N, C-alpha and C. Protein backbone atom coordinates (compact mmCIF):
# COMPACT_ATOMS: atom_id res chain seq x y z
N MET A 1 94.66 6.44 90.54
CA MET A 1 94.91 7.13 91.78
C MET A 1 96.33 7.68 91.73
N THR A 2 96.48 8.91 92.15
CA THR A 2 97.80 9.52 92.13
C THR A 2 98.62 9.02 93.32
N PRO A 3 99.94 8.98 93.19
CA PRO A 3 100.78 8.53 94.30
C PRO A 3 100.61 9.37 95.55
N ARG A 4 100.27 10.63 95.42
CA ARG A 4 100.10 11.50 96.58
C ARG A 4 98.79 11.22 97.30
N LEU A 5 97.80 10.71 96.60
CA LEU A 5 96.50 10.46 97.18
C LEU A 5 96.44 9.12 97.93
N ARG A 6 97.22 8.17 97.51
CA ARG A 6 97.18 6.82 98.10
C ARG A 6 97.40 6.81 99.62
N PRO A 7 98.46 7.47 100.19
CA PRO A 7 98.63 7.45 101.65
C PRO A 7 97.45 8.05 102.40
N LEU A 8 96.85 9.10 101.86
CA LEU A 8 95.69 9.71 102.50
C LEU A 8 94.52 8.74 102.53
N LEU A 9 94.26 8.08 101.42
CA LEU A 9 93.17 7.11 101.37
C LEU A 9 93.42 5.94 102.31
N LEU A 10 94.65 5.45 102.38
CA LEU A 10 94.98 4.36 103.29
C LEU A 10 94.74 4.77 104.74
N THR A 11 95.14 5.96 105.09
CA THR A 11 94.93 6.44 106.45
C THR A 11 93.44 6.57 106.76
N LEU A 12 92.67 7.14 105.83
CA LEU A 12 91.23 7.26 106.05
C LEU A 12 90.56 5.89 106.18
N PHE A 13 90.99 4.93 105.37
CA PHE A 13 90.47 3.57 105.47
C PHE A 13 90.80 2.97 106.83
N ALA A 14 92.04 3.15 107.28
CA ALA A 14 92.45 2.61 108.57
C ALA A 14 91.63 3.22 109.70
N LEU A 15 91.39 4.51 109.64
CA LEU A 15 90.59 5.17 110.67
C LEU A 15 89.17 4.64 110.70
N ALA A 16 88.59 4.45 109.54
CA ALA A 16 87.22 3.95 109.47
C ALA A 16 87.15 2.50 109.95
N ALA A 17 88.12 1.70 109.58
CA ALA A 17 88.09 0.28 109.94
C ALA A 17 88.34 0.05 111.41
N CYS A 18 89.07 0.91 112.08
CA CYS A 18 89.37 0.66 113.48
C CYS A 18 88.34 1.28 114.39
N GLY A 19 87.35 1.91 113.86
CA GLY A 19 86.31 2.47 114.69
C GLY A 19 86.61 3.87 115.17
N ALA A 20 87.64 4.50 114.64
CA ALA A 20 87.97 5.85 115.04
C ALA A 20 86.87 6.78 114.58
N SER A 21 86.65 7.80 115.37
CA SER A 21 85.66 8.80 115.00
C SER A 21 86.15 9.57 113.79
N PRO A 22 85.23 10.02 112.95
CA PRO A 22 85.67 10.84 111.82
C PRO A 22 86.48 12.03 112.33
N GLY A 23 87.60 12.26 111.71
CA GLY A 23 88.45 13.36 112.12
C GLY A 23 89.42 13.00 113.23
N GLN A 24 89.23 11.85 113.90
CA GLN A 24 90.17 11.45 114.93
C GLN A 24 91.50 11.10 114.28
N LYS A 25 92.53 11.68 114.78
CA LYS A 25 93.85 11.44 114.23
C LYS A 25 94.58 10.43 115.11
N PRO A 26 95.42 9.61 114.51
CA PRO A 26 96.20 8.69 115.33
C PRO A 26 97.13 9.47 116.26
N ASP A 27 97.49 8.84 117.36
CA ASP A 27 98.43 9.47 118.28
C ASP A 27 99.80 9.61 117.63
N TYR A 28 100.14 8.66 116.80
CA TYR A 28 101.34 8.71 115.97
C TYR A 28 101.32 7.57 114.98
N GLU A 29 102.37 7.49 114.21
CA GLU A 29 102.49 6.45 113.19
C GLU A 29 103.80 5.72 113.41
N VAL A 30 103.76 4.41 113.24
CA VAL A 30 104.98 3.60 113.30
C VAL A 30 105.12 2.89 111.96
N ARG A 31 106.05 3.33 111.18
CA ARG A 31 106.38 2.74 109.88
C ARG A 31 105.16 2.44 109.02
N GLY A 32 104.27 3.38 108.93
CA GLY A 32 103.11 3.26 108.07
C GLY A 32 101.86 2.75 108.75
N ALA A 33 101.94 2.36 110.02
CA ALA A 33 100.76 1.91 110.78
C ALA A 33 100.32 3.03 111.71
N ALA A 34 99.04 3.36 111.67
CA ALA A 34 98.49 4.38 112.55
C ALA A 34 98.31 3.79 113.94
N VAL A 35 98.74 4.50 114.98
CA VAL A 35 98.66 4.00 116.35
C VAL A 35 97.72 4.90 117.15
N PHE A 36 96.72 4.24 117.77
CA PHE A 36 95.76 4.93 118.63
C PHE A 36 95.94 4.41 120.06
N VAL A 37 96.15 5.30 120.99
CA VAL A 37 96.32 4.92 122.39
C VAL A 37 95.07 5.36 123.14
N ASN A 38 94.21 4.39 123.43
CA ASN A 38 92.96 4.64 124.16
C ASN A 38 93.05 3.96 125.52
N SER A 39 94.17 4.16 126.19
CA SER A 39 94.45 3.51 127.46
C SER A 39 95.28 4.45 128.31
N ASP A 40 95.12 4.33 129.62
CA ASP A 40 95.98 5.09 130.52
C ASP A 40 96.99 4.17 131.20
N ALA A 41 97.21 2.97 130.65
CA ALA A 41 98.24 2.09 131.19
C ALA A 41 99.55 2.87 131.24
N LEU A 42 100.28 2.74 132.34
CA LEU A 42 101.48 3.55 132.54
C LEU A 42 102.50 3.37 131.42
N PHE A 43 102.62 2.15 130.88
CA PHE A 43 103.62 1.96 129.83
C PHE A 43 103.28 2.76 128.57
N THR A 44 101.99 3.05 128.34
CA THR A 44 101.61 3.83 127.16
C THR A 44 101.93 5.31 127.32
N GLN A 45 102.20 5.74 128.54
CA GLN A 45 102.46 7.15 128.84
C GLN A 45 103.94 7.47 128.88
N ARG A 46 104.79 6.46 128.78
CA ARG A 46 106.23 6.65 128.88
C ARG A 46 106.82 7.25 127.61
N GLU A 47 107.89 8.01 127.78
CA GLU A 47 108.56 8.61 126.62
C GLU A 47 109.09 7.55 125.66
N ASP A 48 109.45 6.40 126.19
CA ASP A 48 110.03 5.35 125.34
C ASP A 48 108.97 4.45 124.69
N PHE A 49 107.69 4.75 124.90
CA PHE A 49 106.66 3.82 124.43
C PHE A 49 106.69 3.63 122.92
N ARG A 50 106.79 4.69 122.17
CA ARG A 50 106.78 4.54 120.71
C ARG A 50 107.93 3.62 120.26
N ASP A 51 109.12 3.81 120.82
CA ASP A 51 110.26 2.96 120.47
C ASP A 51 110.03 1.52 120.92
N ARG A 52 109.44 1.35 122.10
CA ARG A 52 109.15 0.00 122.60
C ARG A 52 108.13 -0.69 121.72
N LEU A 53 107.11 0.04 121.32
CA LEU A 53 106.10 -0.52 120.43
C LEU A 53 106.76 -0.95 119.12
N GLU A 54 107.58 -0.07 118.55
CA GLU A 54 108.24 -0.38 117.29
C GLU A 54 109.15 -1.60 117.42
N SER A 55 109.93 -1.69 118.49
CA SER A 55 110.83 -2.83 118.63
C SER A 55 110.07 -4.12 118.91
N THR A 56 108.94 -4.03 119.58
CA THR A 56 108.11 -5.22 119.81
C THR A 56 107.49 -5.67 118.49
N LEU A 57 107.01 -4.74 117.70
CA LEU A 57 106.48 -5.07 116.38
C LEU A 57 107.57 -5.69 115.51
N GLU A 58 108.77 -5.14 115.55
CA GLU A 58 109.89 -5.67 114.77
C GLU A 58 110.18 -7.12 115.16
N ALA A 59 110.22 -7.40 116.47
CA ALA A 59 110.47 -8.77 116.94
C ALA A 59 109.35 -9.71 116.48
N ALA A 60 108.11 -9.24 116.55
CA ALA A 60 106.97 -10.06 116.12
C ALA A 60 107.03 -10.30 114.62
N LEU A 61 107.31 -9.28 113.84
CA LEU A 61 107.41 -9.45 112.39
C LEU A 61 108.52 -10.42 112.03
N THR A 62 109.64 -10.34 112.70
CA THR A 62 110.75 -11.27 112.46
C THR A 62 110.31 -12.69 112.77
N TYR A 63 109.65 -12.88 113.92
CA TYR A 63 109.18 -14.21 114.32
C TYR A 63 108.24 -14.81 113.27
N TRP A 64 107.31 -14.02 112.80
CA TRP A 64 106.30 -14.50 111.86
C TRP A 64 106.78 -14.51 110.41
N GLY A 65 107.97 -13.99 110.14
CA GLY A 65 108.47 -13.96 108.77
C GLY A 65 107.82 -12.86 107.95
N GLY A 66 107.38 -11.81 108.62
CA GLY A 66 106.70 -10.72 107.94
C GLY A 66 107.62 -9.53 107.74
N SER A 67 107.04 -8.46 107.25
CA SER A 67 107.77 -7.21 107.06
C SER A 67 106.84 -6.05 107.41
N TRP A 68 107.41 -4.87 107.45
CA TRP A 68 106.60 -3.69 107.78
C TRP A 68 105.48 -3.46 106.79
N SER A 69 105.62 -3.96 105.58
CA SER A 69 104.54 -3.81 104.59
C SER A 69 103.27 -4.55 105.03
N ASP A 70 103.41 -5.56 105.91
CA ASP A 70 102.23 -6.27 106.42
C ASP A 70 101.40 -5.39 107.35
N LEU A 71 102.01 -4.35 107.89
CA LEU A 71 101.29 -3.46 108.82
C LEU A 71 101.01 -2.09 108.22
N ALA A 72 101.62 -1.77 107.11
CA ALA A 72 101.44 -0.46 106.48
C ALA A 72 99.98 -0.26 106.09
N GLY A 73 99.44 0.91 106.42
CA GLY A 73 98.06 1.23 106.10
C GLY A 73 97.05 0.66 107.08
N ARG A 74 97.52 -0.07 108.07
CA ARG A 74 96.63 -0.63 109.09
C ARG A 74 96.69 0.25 110.34
N SER A 75 95.84 -0.03 111.29
CA SER A 75 95.91 0.68 112.56
C SER A 75 96.15 -0.32 113.68
N ILE A 76 96.76 0.20 114.73
CA ILE A 76 97.00 -0.56 115.95
C ILE A 76 96.41 0.28 117.07
N SER A 77 95.41 -0.29 117.76
CA SER A 77 94.74 0.42 118.85
C SER A 77 95.01 -0.30 120.16
N LEU A 78 95.46 0.44 121.14
CA LEU A 78 95.66 -0.08 122.49
C LEU A 78 94.50 0.42 123.32
N GLU A 79 93.70 -0.50 123.83
CA GLU A 79 92.46 -0.17 124.52
C GLU A 79 92.58 -0.40 126.03
N GLY A 80 92.07 0.53 126.81
CA GLY A 80 92.11 0.42 128.26
C GLY A 80 91.09 -0.53 128.84
N SER A 81 90.15 -0.97 128.02
CA SER A 81 89.14 -1.91 128.49
C SER A 81 89.76 -3.31 128.63
N THR A 82 89.13 -4.15 129.43
CA THR A 82 89.64 -5.51 129.61
C THR A 82 89.48 -6.33 128.35
N PHE A 83 88.43 -6.07 127.59
CA PHE A 83 88.16 -6.84 126.38
C PHE A 83 87.98 -5.92 125.18
N VAL A 84 88.21 -6.49 124.01
CA VAL A 84 87.89 -5.83 122.75
C VAL A 84 86.96 -6.76 121.99
N ALA A 85 85.95 -6.21 121.35
CA ALA A 85 85.04 -7.04 120.55
C ALA A 85 85.79 -7.52 119.31
N CYS A 86 85.55 -8.79 118.97
CA CYS A 86 86.28 -9.34 117.82
C CYS A 86 85.44 -10.42 117.15
N HIS A 87 85.04 -10.16 115.93
CA HIS A 87 84.27 -11.14 115.15
C HIS A 87 83.08 -11.70 115.94
N GLY A 88 82.37 -10.81 116.63
CA GLY A 88 81.18 -11.21 117.37
C GLY A 88 81.46 -11.74 118.77
N VAL A 89 82.71 -11.85 119.16
CA VAL A 89 83.08 -12.30 120.51
C VAL A 89 83.38 -11.07 121.34
N ALA A 90 82.66 -10.90 122.43
CA ALA A 90 82.82 -9.69 123.24
C ALA A 90 83.96 -9.80 124.25
N SER A 91 84.53 -10.99 124.44
CA SER A 91 85.51 -11.19 125.51
C SER A 91 86.93 -11.46 125.00
N ALA A 92 87.29 -10.94 123.84
CA ALA A 92 88.64 -11.12 123.32
C ALA A 92 89.58 -10.09 123.96
N THR A 93 90.83 -10.47 124.12
CA THR A 93 91.83 -9.52 124.62
C THR A 93 92.70 -8.96 123.50
N GLY A 94 92.48 -9.48 122.31
CA GLY A 94 93.15 -8.98 121.13
C GLY A 94 92.34 -9.34 119.90
N CYS A 95 92.53 -8.57 118.84
CA CYS A 95 91.76 -8.82 117.62
C CYS A 95 92.53 -8.33 116.41
N PHE A 96 92.45 -9.12 115.35
CA PHE A 96 92.89 -8.66 114.04
C PHE A 96 91.72 -8.85 113.10
N ASP A 97 91.22 -7.76 112.58
CA ASP A 97 90.12 -7.80 111.62
C ASP A 97 90.45 -6.90 110.43
N GLY A 98 91.71 -6.90 110.08
CA GLY A 98 92.24 -5.97 109.09
C GLY A 98 93.07 -4.90 109.78
N ASN A 99 92.76 -4.66 111.04
CA ASN A 99 93.51 -3.79 111.94
C ASN A 99 93.70 -4.54 113.25
N ILE A 100 94.59 -4.04 114.08
CA ILE A 100 94.90 -4.70 115.35
C ILE A 100 94.33 -3.87 116.49
N ARG A 101 93.61 -4.56 117.40
CA ARG A 101 93.14 -3.95 118.65
C ARG A 101 93.57 -4.87 119.78
N ILE A 102 94.18 -4.30 120.81
CA ILE A 102 94.58 -5.10 121.95
C ILE A 102 94.21 -4.41 123.25
N SER A 103 93.88 -5.22 124.25
CA SER A 103 93.61 -4.71 125.58
C SER A 103 94.93 -4.50 126.31
N THR A 104 94.98 -3.49 127.15
CA THR A 104 96.15 -3.26 127.99
C THR A 104 95.92 -3.79 129.40
N ASN A 105 94.85 -4.57 129.57
CA ASN A 105 94.50 -5.16 130.86
C ASN A 105 94.41 -6.67 130.76
N ASP A 106 94.58 -7.31 131.89
CA ASP A 106 94.46 -8.76 131.95
C ASP A 106 93.60 -9.12 133.15
N LEU A 107 92.30 -9.17 132.94
CA LEU A 107 91.36 -9.57 133.97
C LEU A 107 91.64 -8.96 135.34
N GLY A 108 91.58 -7.66 135.38
CA GLY A 108 91.69 -6.97 136.65
C GLY A 108 93.04 -6.34 136.93
N ARG A 109 94.03 -6.59 136.12
CA ARG A 109 95.33 -5.94 136.34
C ARG A 109 95.78 -5.33 135.02
N THR A 110 96.36 -4.16 135.12
CA THR A 110 96.88 -3.49 133.93
C THR A 110 98.27 -4.02 133.65
N PHE A 111 98.54 -4.33 132.39
CA PHE A 111 99.87 -4.80 132.02
C PHE A 111 100.90 -3.73 132.34
N SER A 112 102.12 -4.16 132.61
CA SER A 112 103.19 -3.22 132.92
C SER A 112 104.02 -2.85 131.69
N CYS A 113 103.81 -3.56 130.57
CA CYS A 113 104.58 -3.28 129.36
C CYS A 113 103.83 -3.82 128.14
N VAL A 114 104.12 -3.26 126.98
CA VAL A 114 103.44 -3.65 125.74
C VAL A 114 103.75 -5.10 125.38
N GLU A 115 104.92 -5.58 125.76
CA GLU A 115 105.32 -6.94 125.42
C GLU A 115 104.42 -8.00 126.05
N GLU A 116 103.74 -7.67 127.14
CA GLU A 116 102.84 -8.60 127.82
C GLU A 116 101.49 -8.76 127.11
N THR A 117 101.15 -7.83 126.26
CA THR A 117 99.84 -7.83 125.62
C THR A 117 99.75 -8.89 124.51
N GLU A 118 98.62 -8.94 123.85
CA GLU A 118 98.38 -9.87 122.73
C GLU A 118 99.02 -9.40 121.42
N LEU A 119 99.79 -8.34 121.46
CA LEU A 119 100.31 -7.75 120.23
C LEU A 119 101.06 -8.75 119.35
N VAL A 120 101.96 -9.53 119.92
CA VAL A 120 102.73 -10.50 119.11
C VAL A 120 101.79 -11.47 118.41
N HIS A 121 100.77 -11.92 119.11
CA HIS A 121 99.79 -12.85 118.54
C HIS A 121 99.04 -12.20 117.37
N GLU A 122 98.56 -10.99 117.57
CA GLU A 122 97.77 -10.33 116.53
C GLU A 122 98.61 -9.97 115.30
N VAL A 123 99.89 -9.68 115.50
CA VAL A 123 100.77 -9.46 114.35
C VAL A 123 100.85 -10.75 113.52
N GLY A 124 100.81 -11.90 114.19
CA GLY A 124 100.79 -13.17 113.46
C GLY A 124 99.61 -13.27 112.51
N HIS A 125 98.44 -12.84 112.96
CA HIS A 125 97.27 -12.84 112.08
C HIS A 125 97.46 -11.87 110.91
N ALA A 126 98.07 -10.72 111.18
CA ALA A 126 98.29 -9.74 110.11
C ALA A 126 99.25 -10.29 109.06
N VAL A 127 100.23 -11.05 109.48
CA VAL A 127 101.23 -11.59 108.55
C VAL A 127 100.72 -12.84 107.85
N LEU A 128 100.15 -13.77 108.63
CA LEU A 128 99.79 -15.09 108.09
C LEU A 128 98.35 -15.21 107.61
N GLY A 129 97.46 -14.40 108.14
CA GLY A 129 96.04 -14.71 107.98
C GLY A 129 95.77 -15.77 109.05
N ASP A 130 95.63 -17.00 108.66
CA ASP A 130 95.56 -18.16 109.55
C ASP A 130 94.64 -17.97 110.75
N ALA A 131 93.40 -17.64 110.49
CA ALA A 131 92.43 -17.45 111.56
C ALA A 131 92.20 -18.73 112.37
N ALA A 132 92.48 -19.89 111.79
CA ALA A 132 92.27 -21.17 112.48
C ALA A 132 93.50 -21.62 113.27
N HIS A 133 94.54 -20.82 113.30
CA HIS A 133 95.74 -21.13 114.09
C HIS A 133 96.36 -22.47 113.71
N ARG A 134 96.47 -22.75 112.44
CA ARG A 134 97.02 -24.03 111.97
C ARG A 134 98.55 -24.07 111.95
N ASP A 135 99.20 -22.93 111.81
CA ASP A 135 100.65 -22.87 111.77
C ASP A 135 101.21 -23.32 113.14
N PRO A 136 102.22 -24.18 113.18
CA PRO A 136 102.75 -24.66 114.46
C PRO A 136 103.39 -23.56 115.32
N ARG A 137 103.73 -22.42 114.73
CA ARG A 137 104.32 -21.34 115.52
C ARG A 137 103.37 -20.75 116.54
N TRP A 138 102.06 -21.02 116.42
CA TRP A 138 101.10 -20.50 117.40
C TRP A 138 101.34 -21.11 118.78
N MET A 139 102.09 -22.20 118.85
CA MET A 139 102.31 -22.86 120.14
C MET A 139 103.76 -22.75 120.63
N ASP A 140 104.66 -22.14 119.89
CA ASP A 140 106.07 -22.10 120.28
C ASP A 140 106.62 -20.69 120.10
N PHE A 141 106.59 -19.90 121.16
CA PHE A 141 107.02 -18.52 121.08
C PHE A 141 108.35 -18.28 121.79
N GLY A 142 109.11 -19.34 122.01
CA GLY A 142 110.36 -19.22 122.77
C GLY A 142 111.32 -18.19 122.20
N SER A 143 111.52 -18.17 120.89
CA SER A 143 112.51 -17.25 120.31
C SER A 143 112.08 -15.79 120.43
N VAL A 144 110.82 -15.51 120.21
CA VAL A 144 110.37 -14.11 120.33
C VAL A 144 110.31 -13.69 121.80
N ALA A 145 109.96 -14.61 122.69
CA ALA A 145 109.97 -14.29 124.12
C ALA A 145 111.39 -13.95 124.56
N GLN A 146 112.36 -14.70 124.08
CA GLN A 146 113.75 -14.43 124.42
C GLN A 146 114.18 -13.07 123.87
N ALA A 147 113.77 -12.75 122.65
CA ALA A 147 114.13 -11.47 122.04
C ALA A 147 113.56 -10.29 122.82
N LEU A 148 112.41 -10.49 123.48
CA LEU A 148 111.75 -9.39 124.19
C LEU A 148 111.99 -9.40 125.69
N SER A 149 112.68 -10.39 126.20
CA SER A 149 112.86 -10.50 127.66
C SER A 149 113.89 -9.50 128.18
N GLY A 150 113.79 -9.22 129.45
CA GLY A 150 114.74 -8.35 130.12
C GLY A 150 114.41 -6.88 130.06
N ARG A 151 113.28 -6.53 129.51
CA ARG A 151 112.89 -5.13 129.43
C ARG A 151 112.17 -4.71 130.71
N ALA A 152 112.17 -3.42 130.97
CA ALA A 152 111.48 -2.90 132.15
C ALA A 152 110.00 -2.74 131.89
N GLY A 153 109.22 -2.92 132.94
CA GLY A 153 107.81 -2.60 132.94
C GLY A 153 107.62 -1.40 133.85
N TYR A 154 106.39 -0.93 133.97
CA TYR A 154 106.14 0.27 134.74
C TYR A 154 104.91 0.11 135.61
N SER A 155 105.04 0.54 136.87
CA SER A 155 103.92 0.53 137.82
C SER A 155 103.85 1.91 138.45
N GLY A 156 102.88 2.10 139.31
CA GLY A 156 102.75 3.38 139.99
C GLY A 156 103.96 3.71 140.85
N ALA A 157 104.71 2.68 141.25
CA ALA A 157 105.90 2.87 142.07
C ALA A 157 107.17 3.07 141.24
N GLY A 158 107.05 3.05 139.92
CA GLY A 158 108.22 3.22 139.05
C GLY A 158 108.47 1.98 138.23
N GLU A 159 109.74 1.74 137.89
CA GLU A 159 110.08 0.58 137.07
C GLU A 159 109.81 -0.71 137.83
N THR A 160 109.37 -1.69 137.09
CA THR A 160 109.08 -3.02 137.63
C THR A 160 109.43 -4.03 136.54
N GLY A 161 109.15 -5.27 136.79
CA GLY A 161 109.44 -6.28 135.78
C GLY A 161 108.45 -6.24 134.62
N CYS A 162 108.87 -6.83 133.53
CA CYS A 162 108.02 -6.99 132.34
C CYS A 162 108.00 -8.48 132.02
N PRO A 163 107.21 -9.24 132.77
CA PRO A 163 107.24 -10.69 132.57
C PRO A 163 106.62 -11.10 131.24
N ILE A 164 107.37 -11.87 130.48
CA ILE A 164 106.87 -12.40 129.21
C ILE A 164 106.26 -13.77 129.51
N ILE A 165 104.98 -13.89 129.32
CA ILE A 165 104.26 -15.14 129.57
C ILE A 165 103.77 -15.63 128.22
N GLU A 166 104.48 -16.62 127.68
CA GLU A 166 104.22 -17.07 126.31
C GLU A 166 102.80 -17.56 126.08
N ASN A 167 102.15 -18.12 127.10
CA ASN A 167 100.80 -18.64 126.85
C ASN A 167 99.78 -17.54 126.57
N VAL A 168 100.13 -16.28 126.81
CA VAL A 168 99.27 -15.16 126.41
C VAL A 168 99.15 -15.14 124.89
N TRP A 169 100.23 -15.52 124.21
CA TRP A 169 100.28 -15.48 122.75
C TRP A 169 99.85 -16.79 122.11
N GLN A 170 99.93 -17.90 122.86
CA GLN A 170 99.68 -19.22 122.28
C GLN A 170 98.21 -19.44 121.95
N HIS A 171 97.99 -20.30 120.97
CA HIS A 171 96.64 -20.71 120.63
C HIS A 171 96.72 -22.05 119.92
N PRO A 172 96.07 -23.08 120.48
CA PRO A 172 96.07 -24.37 119.78
C PRO A 172 95.24 -24.27 118.50
N PRO A 173 95.49 -25.16 117.54
CA PRO A 173 94.70 -25.11 116.31
C PRO A 173 93.21 -25.24 116.58
N ASP A 174 92.41 -24.44 115.88
CA ASP A 174 90.96 -24.57 115.98
C ASP A 174 90.56 -25.83 115.21
N LEU A 175 89.72 -26.61 115.81
CA LEU A 175 89.29 -27.84 115.15
C LEU A 175 88.02 -27.67 114.40
C-alpha cells in the first residue's frame, strides 16, 4: 500500500464502521479522528466546539495514558438520540466498537457541554481495550474531572454551567 493511499483507506474504513452512509463526509477531523455531529445539542453548534472536543479528548488521553495515535483512523460520532446501540444493547449512552459513539442526551435532558457525555469513558476503551472494566481507573476520575472543570456549558438562555459528574464515566468491574 502506498503512503498516499493509507489515509484514504483509513477514512473509508472509519466511515463504514461507524455506520456513516456511503459518501457521507465527517463534519471535521480532530488529529486523525473523523468527527460526525448527528445532534442539535447547543454545545455542538458553538464555534468553540471543535477546540472543546479536542481539549476534552486530550484530557481523556492523558488520564488513560494514551496518545492521539489511539484515536487516529477512528471516528467519533455525537448522536442526538438518548441511546446508542452497542454490542447488542439498545440502551447504551456511549459505545466503543472500534469507533466511538456517544449520546448528547441524558434521559430527557440534553447535555450542556461535551465534557458531561460518556466521551472520557469511551476514550478509555479505545486506549485500554478492557471491555470488562478491570482497570481501577474506571472508578476514580478525580484528576480528569478536575482538569475539565470550570468550563462553560450552553443552554437556550446562553452560557450555563458544565457540571462534571464523575459517575457518568465510572463503571465497576464486570464480574
